[in-house]
């Protein structure tokens, strides 16, 4: 499952609930364990540089500027989309690269 998550994912534009909570976002998972999380607000991008690891169906992230591990359940859906469940809220991402 590790290789399936590598690449760039954007929030599914049909996921209205997640977009209202998180705004438009994207994530780039690199094979080095780096995660670039971007929030797009109007004409600006807010980047968070993080690290990640996968244990089973858990995505464990850590942001060095605010050190603390966060655990998010995830799965790759049959249509190839990425589903994250953080704090009981599900969000769907589409792989774009």
PDB file of N, CA and C in Angstrom:
ATOM      1  N   UNK A   1       0.830  -1.207   0.000  1.00  0.00           N
ATOM      2  CA  UNK A   1       0.000   0.000   0.000  1.00  0.00           C
ATOM      3  C   UNK A   1       0.865   1.258   0.000  1.00  0.00           C
ATOM      4  N   UNK A   2       2.109   1.132   0.466  1.00  0.00           N
ATOM      5  CA  UNK A   2       2.997   2.296   0.523  1.00  0.00           C
ATOM      6  C   UNK A   2       3.183   2.920  -0.858  1.00  0.00           C
ATOM      7  N   UNK A   3       3.488   2.112  -1.874  1.00  0.00           N
ATOM      8  CA  UNK A   3       3.726   2.648  -3.219  1.00  0.00           C
ATOM      9  C   UNK A   3       2.490   3.301  -3.810  1.00  0.00           C
ATOM     10  N   UNK A   4       1.317   2.814  -3.455  1.00  0.00           N
ATOM     11  CA  UNK A   4       0.077   3.379  -4.006  1.00  0.00           C
ATOM     12  C   UNK A   4      -0.159   4.823  -3.563  1.00  0.00           C
ATOM     13  N   UNK A   5       0.367   5.187  -2.415  1.00  0.00           N
ATOM     14  CA  UNK A   5       0.099   6.536  -1.887  1.00  0.00           C
ATOM     15  C   UNK A   5       1.088   7.578  -2.422  1.00  0.00           C
ATOM     16  N   UNK A   6       2.199   7.124  -2.992  1.00  0.00           N
ATOM     17  CA  UNK A   6       3.199   8.059  -3.512  1.00  0.00           C
ATOM     18  C   UNK A   6       2.614   8.907  -4.633  1.00  0.00           C
ATOM     19  N   UNK A   7       3.020  10.172  -4.693  1.00  0.00           N
ATOM     20  CA  UNK A   7       2.564  11.076  -5.740  1.00  0.00           C
ATOM     21  C   UNK A   7       1.812  12.263  -5.181  1.00  0.00           C
ATOM     22  N   UNK A   8       1.149  12.964  -6.080  1.00  0.00           N
ATOM     23  CA  UNK A   8       0.409  14.185  -5.723  1.00  0.00           C
ATOM     24  C   UNK A   8      -1.087  13.886  -5.756  1.00  0.00           C
ATOM     25  N   UNK A   9      -1.770  14.289  -4.699  1.00  0.00           N
ATOM     26  CA  UNK A   9      -3.212  14.086  -4.553  1.00  0.00           C
ATOM     27  C   UNK A   9      -3.874  15.426  -4.293  1.00  0.00           C
ATOM     28  N   UNK A  10      -5.010  15.657  -4.928  1.00  0.00           N
ATOM     29  CA  UNK A  10      -5.804  16.879  -4.683  1.00  0.00           C
ATOM     30  C   UNK A  10      -7.160  16.484  -4.132  1.00  0.00           C
ATOM     31  N   UNK A  11      -7.686  17.342  -3.285  1.00  0.00           N
ATOM     32  CA  UNK A  11      -9.008  17.102  -2.720  1.00  0.00           C
ATOM     33  C   UNK A  11     -10.022  16.975  -3.851  1.00  0.00           C
ATOM     34  N   UNK A  12     -10.831  15.949  -3.797  1.00  0.00           N
ATOM     35  CA  UNK A  12     -11.862  15.713  -4.808  1.00  0.00           C
ATOM     36  C   UNK A  12     -12.825  16.890  -4.802  1.00  0.00           C
ATOM     37  N   UNK A  13     -13.004  17.583  -5.940  1.00  0.00           N
ATOM     38  CA  UNK A  13     -13.911  18.741  -5.972  1.00  0.00           C
ATOM     39  C   UNK A  13     -15.357  18.374  -5.667  1.00  0.00           C
ATOM     40  N   UNK A  14     -15.697  17.095  -5.744  1.00  0.00           N
ATOM     41  CA  UNK A  14     -17.051  16.654  -5.401  1.00  0.00           C
ATOM     42  C   UNK A  14     -17.225  16.432  -3.899  1.00  0.00           C
ATOM     43  N   UNK A  15     -16.144  16.514  -3.150  1.00  0.00           N
ATOM     44  CA  UNK A  15     -16.206  16.328  -1.697  1.00  0.00           C
ATOM     45  C   UNK A  15     -16.446  17.686  -1.038  1.00  0.00           C
ATOM     46  N   UNK A  16     -17.664  18.162  -1.139  1.00  0.00           N
ATOM     47  CA  UNK A  16     -18.036  19.506  -0.664  1.00  0.00           C
ATOM     48  C   UNK A  16     -17.813  19.651   0.844  1.00  0.00           C
ATOM     49  N   UNK A  17     -18.153  18.646   1.618  1.00  0.00           N
ATOM     50  CA  UNK A  17     -17.997  18.720   3.070  1.00  0.00           C
ATOM     51  C   UNK A  17     -16.542  18.934   3.454  1.00  0.00           C
ATOM     52  N   UNK A  18     -15.646  18.149   2.863  1.00  0.00           N
ATOM     53  CA  UNK A  18     -14.222  18.286   3.173  1.00  0.00           C
ATOM     54  C   UNK A  18     -13.683  19.628   2.702  1.00  0.00           C
ATOM     55  N   UNK A  19     -14.139  20.095   1.545  1.00  0.00           N
ATOM     56  CA  UNK A  19     -13.657  21.386   1.050  1.00  0.00           C
ATOM     57  C   UNK A  19     -14.090  22.516   1.977  1.00  0.00           C
ATOM     58  N   UNK A  20     -15.291  22.426   2.531  1.00  0.00           N
ATOM     59  CA  UNK A  20     -15.747  23.448   3.476  1.00  0.00           C
ATOM     60  C   UNK A  20     -14.909  23.428   4.748  1.00  0.00           C
ATOM     61  N   UNK A  21     -14.474  22.248   5.170  1.00  0.00           N
ATOM     62  CA  UNK A  21     -13.658  22.131   6.379  1.00  0.00           C
ATOM     63  C   UNK A  21     -12.202  22.509   6.154  1.00  0.00           C
ATOM     64  N   UNK A  22     -11.638  22.033   5.052  1.00  0.00           N
ATOM     65  CA  UNK A  22     -10.195  22.151   4.842  1.00  0.00           C
ATOM     66  C   UNK A  22      -9.796  23.139   3.750  1.00  0.00           C
ATOM     67  N   UNK A  23     -10.723  23.694   3.003  1.00  0.00           N
ATOM     68  CA  UNK A  23     -10.442  24.492   1.800  1.00  0.00           C
ATOM     69  C   UNK A  23      -9.885  23.556   0.730  1.00  0.00           C
ATOM     70  N   UNK A  24      -9.440  24.114  -0.369  1.00  0.00           N
ATOM     71  CA  UNK A  24      -8.832  23.299  -1.412  1.00  0.00           C
ATOM     72  C   UNK A  24      -7.432  22.917  -0.945  1.00  0.00           C
ATOM     73  N   UNK A  25      -7.111  21.639  -0.996  1.00  0.00           N
ATOM     74  CA  UNK A  25      -5.821  21.167  -0.508  1.00  0.00           C
ATOM     75  C   UNK A  25      -5.213  20.166  -1.474  1.00  0.00           C
ATOM     76  N   UNK A  26      -3.912  20.006  -1.346  1.00  0.00           N
ATOM     77  CA  UNK A  26      -3.214  18.941  -2.058  1.00  0.00           C
ATOM     78  C   UNK A  26      -2.127  18.387  -1.150  1.00  0.00           C
ATOM     79  N   UNK A  27      -1.715  17.168  -1.464  1.00  0.00           N
ATOM     80  CA  UNK A  27      -0.658  16.503  -0.697  1.00  0.00           C
ATOM     81  C   UNK A  27       0.276  15.819  -1.676  1.00  0.00           C
ATOM     82  N   UNK A  28       1.566  15.936  -1.424  1.00  0.00           N
ATOM     83  CA  UNK A  28       2.545  15.208  -2.209  1.00  0.00           C
ATOM     84  C   UNK A  28       3.316  14.282  -1.275  1.00  0.00           C
ATOM     85  N   UNK A  29       3.157  12.987  -1.507  1.00  0.00           N
ATOM     86  CA  UNK A  29       3.862  11.969  -0.740  1.00  0.00           C
ATOM     87  C   UNK A  29       5.101  11.559  -1.522  1.00  0.00           C
ATOM     88  N   UNK A  30       6.273  11.730  -0.927  1.00  0.00           N
ATOM     89  CA  UNK A  30       7.532  11.365  -1.576  1.00  0.00           C
ATOM     90  C   UNK A  30       8.051  10.058  -0.977  1.00  0.00           C
ATOM     91  N   UNK A  31       8.849   9.346  -1.755  1.00  0.00           N
ATOM     92  CA  UNK A  31       9.379   8.070  -1.277  1.00  0.00           C
ATOM     93  C   UNK A  31      10.438   8.229  -0.194  1.00  0.00           C
ATOM     94  N   UNK A  32      10.804   9.455   0.116  1.00  0.00           N
ATOM     95  CA  UNK A  32      11.772   9.758   1.170  1.00  0.00           C
ATOM     96  C   UNK A  32      11.106   9.899   2.541  1.00  0.00           C
ATOM     97  N   UNK A  33       9.763   9.798   2.584  1.00  0.00           N
ATOM     98  CA  UNK A  33       9.044  10.004   3.837  1.00  0.00           C
ATOM     99  C   UNK A  33       8.634  11.451   4.048  1.00  0.00           C
ATOM    100  N   UNK A  34       8.843  12.279   3.028  1.00  0.00           N
ATOM    101  CA  UNK A  34       8.433  13.679   3.104  1.00  0.00           C
ATOM    102  C   UNK A  34       7.009  13.833   2.578  1.00  0.00           C
ATOM    103  N   UNK A  35       6.273  14.725   3.198  1.00  0.00           N
ATOM    104  CA  UNK A  35       4.909  15.049   2.791  1.00  0.00           C
ATOM    105  C   UNK A  35       4.800  16.566   2.691  1.00  0.00           C
ATOM    106  N   UNK A  36       4.372  17.026   1.528  1.00  0.00           N
ATOM    107  CA  UNK A  36       4.127  18.463   1.341  1.00  0.00           C
ATOM    108  C   UNK A  36       2.611  18.636   1.285  1.00  0.00           C
ATOM    109  N   UNK A  37       2.075  19.350   2.262  1.00  0.00           N
ATOM    110  CA  UNK A  37       0.638  19.587   2.374  1.00  0.00           C
ATOM    111  C   UNK A  37       0.401  21.051   2.039  1.00  0.00           C
ATOM    112  N   UNK A  38      -0.442  21.315   1.035  1.00  0.00           N
ATOM    113  CA  UNK A  38      -0.680  22.687   0.594  1.00  0.00           C
ATOM    114  C   UNK A  38      -2.162  23.026   0.735  1.00  0.00           C
ATOM    115  N   UNK A  39      -2.423  24.184   1.320  1.00  0.00           N
ATOM    116  CA  UNK A  39      -3.774  24.731   1.411  1.00  0.00           C
ATOM    117  C   UNK A  39      -3.823  25.940   0.480  1.00  0.00           C
ATOM    118  N   UNK A  40      -4.815  25.953  -0.407  1.00  0.00           N
ATOM    119  CA  UNK A  40      -4.974  27.038  -1.369  1.00  0.00           C
ATOM    120  C   UNK A  40      -6.112  27.941  -0.900  1.00  0.00           C
ATOM    121  N   UNK A  41      -5.789  29.209  -0.665  1.00  0.00           N
ATOM    122  CA  UNK A  41      -6.799  30.191  -0.254  1.00  0.00           C
ATOM    123  C   UNK A  41      -6.651  31.401  -1.159  1.00  0.00           C
ATOM    124  N   UNK A  42      -7.683  31.622  -1.962  1.00  0.00           N
ATOM    125  CA  UNK A  42      -7.666  32.699  -2.950  1.00  0.00           C
ATOM    126  C   UNK A  42      -6.415  32.579  -3.804  1.00  0.00           C
ATOM    127  N   UNK A  43      -5.556  33.581  -3.814  1.00  0.00           N
ATOM    128  CA  UNK A  43      -4.363  33.556  -4.658  1.00  0.00           C
ATOM    129  C   UNK A  43      -3.112  33.133  -3.895  1.00  0.00           C
ATOM    130  N   UNK A  44      -3.271  32.512  -2.737  1.00  0.00           N
ATOM    131  CA  UNK A  44      -2.116  32.150  -1.919  1.00  0.00           C
ATOM    132  C   UNK A  44      -2.059  30.642  -1.687  1.00  0.00           C
ATOM    133  N   UNK A  45      -0.839  30.167  -1.467  1.00  0.00           N
ATOM    134  CA  UNK A  45      -0.600  28.784  -1.092  1.00  0.00           C
ATOM    135  C   UNK A  45       0.074  28.768   0.272  1.00  0.00           C
ATOM    136  N   UNK A  46      -0.418  27.934   1.151  1.00  0.00           N
ATOM    137  CA  UNK A  46       0.191  27.757   2.462  1.00  0.00           C
ATOM    138  C   UNK A  46       0.732  26.336   2.517  1.00  0.00           C
ATOM    139  N   UNK A  47       2.074  26.210   2.579  1.00  0.00           N
ATOM    140  CA  UNK A  47       2.716  24.902   2.547  1.00  0.00           C
ATOM    141  C   UNK A  47       3.145  24.479   3.937  1.00  0.00           C
ATOM    142  N   UNK A  48       2.909  23.217   4.208  1.00  0.00           N
ATOM    143  CA  UNK A  48       3.412  22.599   5.426  1.00  0.00           C
ATOM    144  C   UNK A  48       4.313  21.447   5.006  1.00  0.00           C
ATOM    145  N   UNK A  49       5.545  21.480   5.476  1.00  0.00           N
ATOM    146  CA  UNK A  49       6.486  20.421   5.193  1.00  0.00           C
ATOM    147  C   UNK A  49       6.452  19.450   6.365  1.00  0.00           C
ATOM    148  N   UNK A  50       6.133  18.212   6.073  1.00  0.00           N
ATOM    149  CA  UNK A  50       5.928  17.224   7.118  1.00  0.00           C
ATOM    150  C   UNK A  50       6.697  15.950   6.784  1.00  0.00           C
ATOM    151  N   UNK A  51       6.737  15.055   7.741  1.00  0.00           N
ATOM    152  CA  UNK A  51       7.226  13.707   7.490  1.00  0.00           C
ATOM    153  C   UNK A  51       6.048  12.757   7.691  1.00  0.00           C
ATOM    154  N   UNK A  52       6.163  11.568   7.094  1.00  0.00           N
ATOM    155  CA  UNK A  52       5.091  10.593   7.256  1.00  0.00           C
ATOM    156  C   UNK A  52       5.652   9.185   7.240  1.00  0.00           C
ATOM    157  N   UNK A  53       4.877   8.287   7.799  1.00  0.00           N
ATOM    158  CA  UNK A  53       5.141   6.858   7.687  1.00  0.00           C
ATOM    159  C   UNK A  53       3.797   6.155   7.692  1.00  0.00           C
ATOM    160  N   UNK A  54       3.812   4.948   7.199  1.00  0.00           N
ATOM    161  CA  UNK A  54       2.587   4.154   7.120  1.00  0.00           C
ATOM    162  C   UNK A  54       2.777   2.895   7.934  1.00  0.00           C
ATOM    163  N   UNK A  55       1.806   2.647   8.791  1.00  0.00           N
ATOM    164  CA  UNK A  55       1.769   1.401   9.551  1.00  0.00           C
ATOM    165  C   UNK A  55       0.371   0.831   9.371  1.00  0.00           C
ATOM    166  N   UNK A  56       0.287  -0.264   8.620  1.00  0.00           N
ATOM    167  CA  UNK A  56      -1.025  -0.858   8.318  1.00  0.00           C
ATOM    168  C   UNK A  56      -1.853   0.130   7.521  1.00  0.00           C
ATOM    169  N   UNK A  57      -3.035   0.447   8.049  1.00  0.00           N
ATOM    170  CA  UNK A  57      -3.905   1.418   7.375  1.00  0.00           C
ATOM    171  C   UNK A  57      -3.847   2.787   8.059  1.00  0.00           C
ATOM    172  N   UNK A  58      -2.767   3.046   8.791  1.00  0.00           N
ATOM    173  CA  UNK A  58      -2.590   4.343   9.456  1.00  0.00           C
ATOM    174  C   UNK A  58      -1.513   5.160   8.752  1.00  0.00           C
ATOM    175  N   UNK A  59      -1.849   6.396   8.481  1.00  0.00           N
ATOM    176  CA  UNK A  59      -0.908   7.380   7.976  1.00  0.00           C
ATOM    177  C   UNK A  59      -0.494   8.202   9.196  1.00  0.00           C
ATOM    178  N   UNK A  60       0.774   8.140   9.541  1.00  0.00           N
ATOM    179  CA  UNK A  60       1.270   8.845  10.724  1.00  0.00           C
ATOM    180  C   UNK A  60       2.128  10.005  10.245  1.00  0.00           C
ATOM    181  N   UNK A  61       1.705  11.218  10.565  1.00  0.00           N
ATOM    182  CA  UNK A  61       2.402  12.423  10.106  1.00  0.00           C
ATOM    183  C   UNK A  61       2.970  13.189  11.289  1.00  0.00           C
ATOM    184  N   UNK A  62       3.985  13.997  10.983  1.00  0.00           N
ATOM    185  CA  UNK A  62       4.599  14.849  11.992  1.00  0.00           C
ATOM    186  C   UNK A  62       5.064  16.122  11.296  1.00  0.00           C
ATOM    187  N   UNK A  63       4.761  17.247  11.898  1.00  0.00           N
ATOM    188  CA  UNK A  63       5.154  18.538  11.343  1.00  0.00           C
ATOM    189  C   UNK A  63       6.263  19.101  12.224  1.00  0.00           C
ATOM    190  N   UNK A  64       7.499  19.178  11.715  1.00  0.00           N
ATOM    191  CA  UNK A  64       8.629  19.620  12.547  1.00  0.00           C
ATOM    192  C   UNK A  64       8.435  20.972  13.224  1.00  0.00           C
ATOM    193  N   UNK A  65       7.715  21.899  12.598  1.00  0.00           N
ATOM    194  CA  UNK A  65       7.522  23.212  13.217  1.00  0.00           C
ATOM    195  C   UNK A  65       6.562  23.151  14.403  1.00  0.00           C
ATOM    196  N   UNK A  66       5.801  22.072  14.514  1.00  0.00           N
ATOM    197  CA  UNK A  66       4.887  21.857  15.637  1.00  0.00           C
ATOM    198  C   UNK A  66       4.900  20.357  15.933  1.00  0.00           C
ATOM    199  N   UNK A  67       6.021  19.864  16.497  1.00  0.00           N
ATOM    200  CA  UNK A  67       6.216  18.413  16.629  1.00  0.00           C
ATOM    201  C   UNK A  67       5.110  17.724  17.435  1.00  0.00           C
ATOM    202  N   UNK A  68       4.447  16.807  16.745  1.00  0.00           N
ATOM    203  CA  UNK A  68       3.434  15.955  17.373  1.00  0.00           C
ATOM    204  C   UNK A  68       2.922  15.025  16.283  1.00  0.00           C
ATOM    205  N   UNK A  69       2.908  13.762  16.584  1.00  0.00           N
ATOM    206  CA  UNK A  69       2.421  12.807  15.601  1.00  0.00           C
ATOM    207  C   UNK A  69       0.902  12.803  15.561  1.00  0.00           C
ATOM    208  N   UNK A  70       0.382  12.736  14.343  1.00  0.00           N
ATOM    209  CA  UNK A  70      -1.059  12.621  14.119  1.00  0.00           C
ATOM    210  C   UNK A  70      -1.299  11.330  13.349  1.00  0.00           C
ATOM    211  N   UNK A  71      -2.340  10.593  13.720  1.00  0.00           N
ATOM    212  CA  UNK A  71      -2.688   9.360  13.034  1.00  0.00           C
ATOM    213  C   UNK A  71      -3.988   9.542  12.266  1.00  0.00           C
ATOM    214  N   UNK A  72      -3.970   9.134  11.008  1.00  0.00           N
ATOM    215  CA  UNK A  72      -5.133   9.233  10.138  1.00  0.00           C
ATOM    216  C   UNK A  72      -5.345   7.886   9.468  1.00  0.00           C
ATOM    217  N   UNK A  73      -6.536   7.341   9.593  1.00  0.00           N
ATOM    218  CA  UNK A  73      -6.844   6.106   8.874  1.00  0.00           C
ATOM    219  C   UNK A  73      -6.983   6.440   7.392  1.00  0.00           C
ATOM    220  N   UNK A  74      -6.524   5.514   6.545  1.00  0.00           N
ATOM    221  CA  UNK A  74      -6.656   5.747   5.112  1.00  0.00           C
ATOM    222  C   UNK A  74      -6.882   4.429   4.390  1.00  0.00           C
ATOM    223  N   UNK A  75      -7.381   4.568   3.158  1.00  0.00           N
ATOM    224  CA  UNK A  75      -7.494   3.418   2.266  1.00  0.00           C
ATOM    225  C   UNK A  75      -7.578   3.932   0.837  1.00  0.00           C
ATOM    226  N   UNK A  76      -7.129   3.085  -0.071  1.00  0.00           N
ATOM    227  CA  UNK A  76      -7.259   3.369  -1.494  1.00  0.00           C
ATOM    228  C   UNK A  76      -8.560   2.702  -1.940  1.00  0.00           C
ATOM    229  N   UNK A  77      -9.473   3.476  -2.486  1.00  0.00           N
ATOM    230  CA  UNK A  77     -10.775   2.965  -2.916  1.00  0.00           C
ATOM    231  C   UNK A  77     -10.651   2.208  -4.235  1.00  0.00           C
ATOM    232  N   UNK A  78     -11.659   1.450  -4.571  1.00  0.00           N
ATOM    233  CA  UNK A  78     -11.618   0.654  -5.805  1.00  0.00           C
ATOM    234  C   UNK A  78     -11.477   1.518  -7.052  1.00  0.00           C
ATOM    235  N   UNK A  79     -11.905   2.774  -6.988  1.00  0.00           N
ATOM    236  CA  UNK A  79     -11.765   3.668  -8.142  1.00  0.00           C
ATOM    237  C   UNK A  79     -10.416   4.408  -8.144  1.00  0.00           C
ATOM    238  N   UNK A  80      -9.517   4.036  -7.213  1.00  0.00           N
ATOM    239  CA  UNK A  80      -8.188   4.631  -7.155  1.00  0.00           C
ATOM    240  C   UNK A  80      -8.077   5.886  -6.324  1.00  0.00           C
ATOM    241  N   UNK A  81      -9.180   6.366  -5.782  1.00  0.00           N
ATOM    242  CA  UNK A  81      -9.148   7.568  -4.942  1.00  0.00           C
ATOM    243  C   UNK A  81      -8.622   7.215  -3.552  1.00  0.00           C
ATOM    244  N   UNK A  82      -8.112   8.215  -2.873  1.00  0.00           N
ATOM    245  CA  UNK A  82      -7.584   8.079  -1.526  1.00  0.00           C
ATOM    246  C   UNK A  82      -8.615   8.615  -0.544  1.00  0.00           C
ATOM    247  N   UNK A  83      -8.988   7.784   0.421  1.00  0.00           N
ATOM    248  CA  UNK A  83      -9.922   8.207   1.464  1.00  0.00           C
ATOM    249  C   UNK A  83      -9.165   8.337   2.772  1.00  0.00           C
ATOM    250  N   UNK A  84      -9.255   9.498   3.385  1.00  0.00           N
ATOM    251  CA  UNK A  84      -8.660   9.743   4.696  1.00  0.00           C
ATOM    252  C   UNK A  84      -9.773   9.912   5.716  1.00  0.00           C
ATOM    253  N   UNK A  85      -9.541   9.420   6.904  1.00  0.00           N
ATOM    254  CA  UNK A  85     -10.507   9.614   7.985  1.00  0.00           C
ATOM    255  C   UNK A  85      -9.739  10.173   9.181  1.00  0.00           C
ATOM    256  N   UNK A  86      -9.890  11.490   9.393  1.00  0.00           N
ATOM    257  CA  UNK A  86      -9.194  12.169  10.477  1.00  0.00           C
ATOM    258  C   UNK A  86     -10.213  12.783  11.410  1.00  0.00           C
ATOM    259  N   UNK A  87     -10.167  12.409  12.665  1.00  0.00           N
ATOM    260  CA  UNK A  87     -11.103  12.954  13.644  1.00  0.00           C
ATOM    261  C   UNK A  87     -12.548  12.623  13.321  1.00  0.00           C
ATOM    262  N   UNK A  88     -12.778  11.483  12.682  1.00  0.00           N
ATOM    263  CA  UNK A  88     -14.136  11.074  12.337  1.00  0.00           C
ATOM    264  C   UNK A  88     -14.677  11.694  11.055  1.00  0.00           C
ATOM    265  N   UNK A  89     -13.877  12.552  10.411  1.00  0.00           N
ATOM    266  CA  UNK A  89     -14.299  13.204   9.176  1.00  0.00           C
ATOM    267  C   UNK A  89     -13.563  12.557   8.002  1.00  0.00           C
ATOM    268  N   UNK A  90     -14.317  12.093   7.019  1.00  0.00           N
ATOM    269  CA  UNK A  90     -13.723  11.486   5.832  1.00  0.00           C
ATOM    270  C   UNK A  90     -13.524  12.542   4.760  1.00  0.00           C
ATOM    271  N   UNK A  91     -12.418  12.404   4.036  1.00  0.00           N
ATOM    272  CA  UNK A  91     -12.157  13.256   2.880  1.00  0.00           C
ATOM    273  C   UNK A  91     -11.610  12.381   1.761  1.00  0.00           C
ATOM    274  N   UNK A  92     -11.896  12.777   0.534  1.00  0.00           N
ATOM    275  CA  UNK A  92     -11.521  11.996  -0.637  1.00  0.00           C
ATOM    276  C   UNK A  92     -10.572  12.810  -1.505  1.00  0.00           C
ATOM    277  N   UNK A  93      -9.495  12.161  -1.944  1.00  0.00           N
ATOM    278  CA  UNK A  93      -8.483  12.795  -2.787  1.00  0.00           C
ATOM    279  C   UNK A  93      -8.320  12.024  -4.091  1.00  0.00           C
ATOM    280  N   UNK A  94      -8.011  12.761  -5.148  1.00  0.00           N
ATOM    281  CA  UNK A  94      -7.779  12.204  -6.470  1.00  0.00           C
ATOM    282  C   UNK A  94      -6.297  12.345  -6.797  1.00  0.00           C
ATOM    283  N   UNK A  95      -5.710  11.277  -7.308  1.00  0.00           N
ATOM    284  CA  UNK A  95      -4.291  11.330  -7.678  1.00  0.00           C
ATOM    285  C   UNK A  95      -4.146  12.094  -8.985  1.00  0.00           C
ATOM    286  N   UNK A  96      -3.270  13.095  -8.971  1.00  0.00           N
ATOM    287  CA  UNK A  96      -3.068  13.921 -10.158  1.00  0.00           C
ATOM    288  C   UNK A  96      -1.665  13.767 -10.733  1.00  0.00           C
ATOM    289  N   UNK A  97      -0.781  13.102 -10.020  1.00  0.00           N
ATOM    290  CA  UNK A  97       0.578  12.913 -10.501  1.00  0.00           C
ATOM    291  C   UNK A  97       1.220  11.733  -9.837  1.00  0.00           C
TER     292      UNK A  97
END
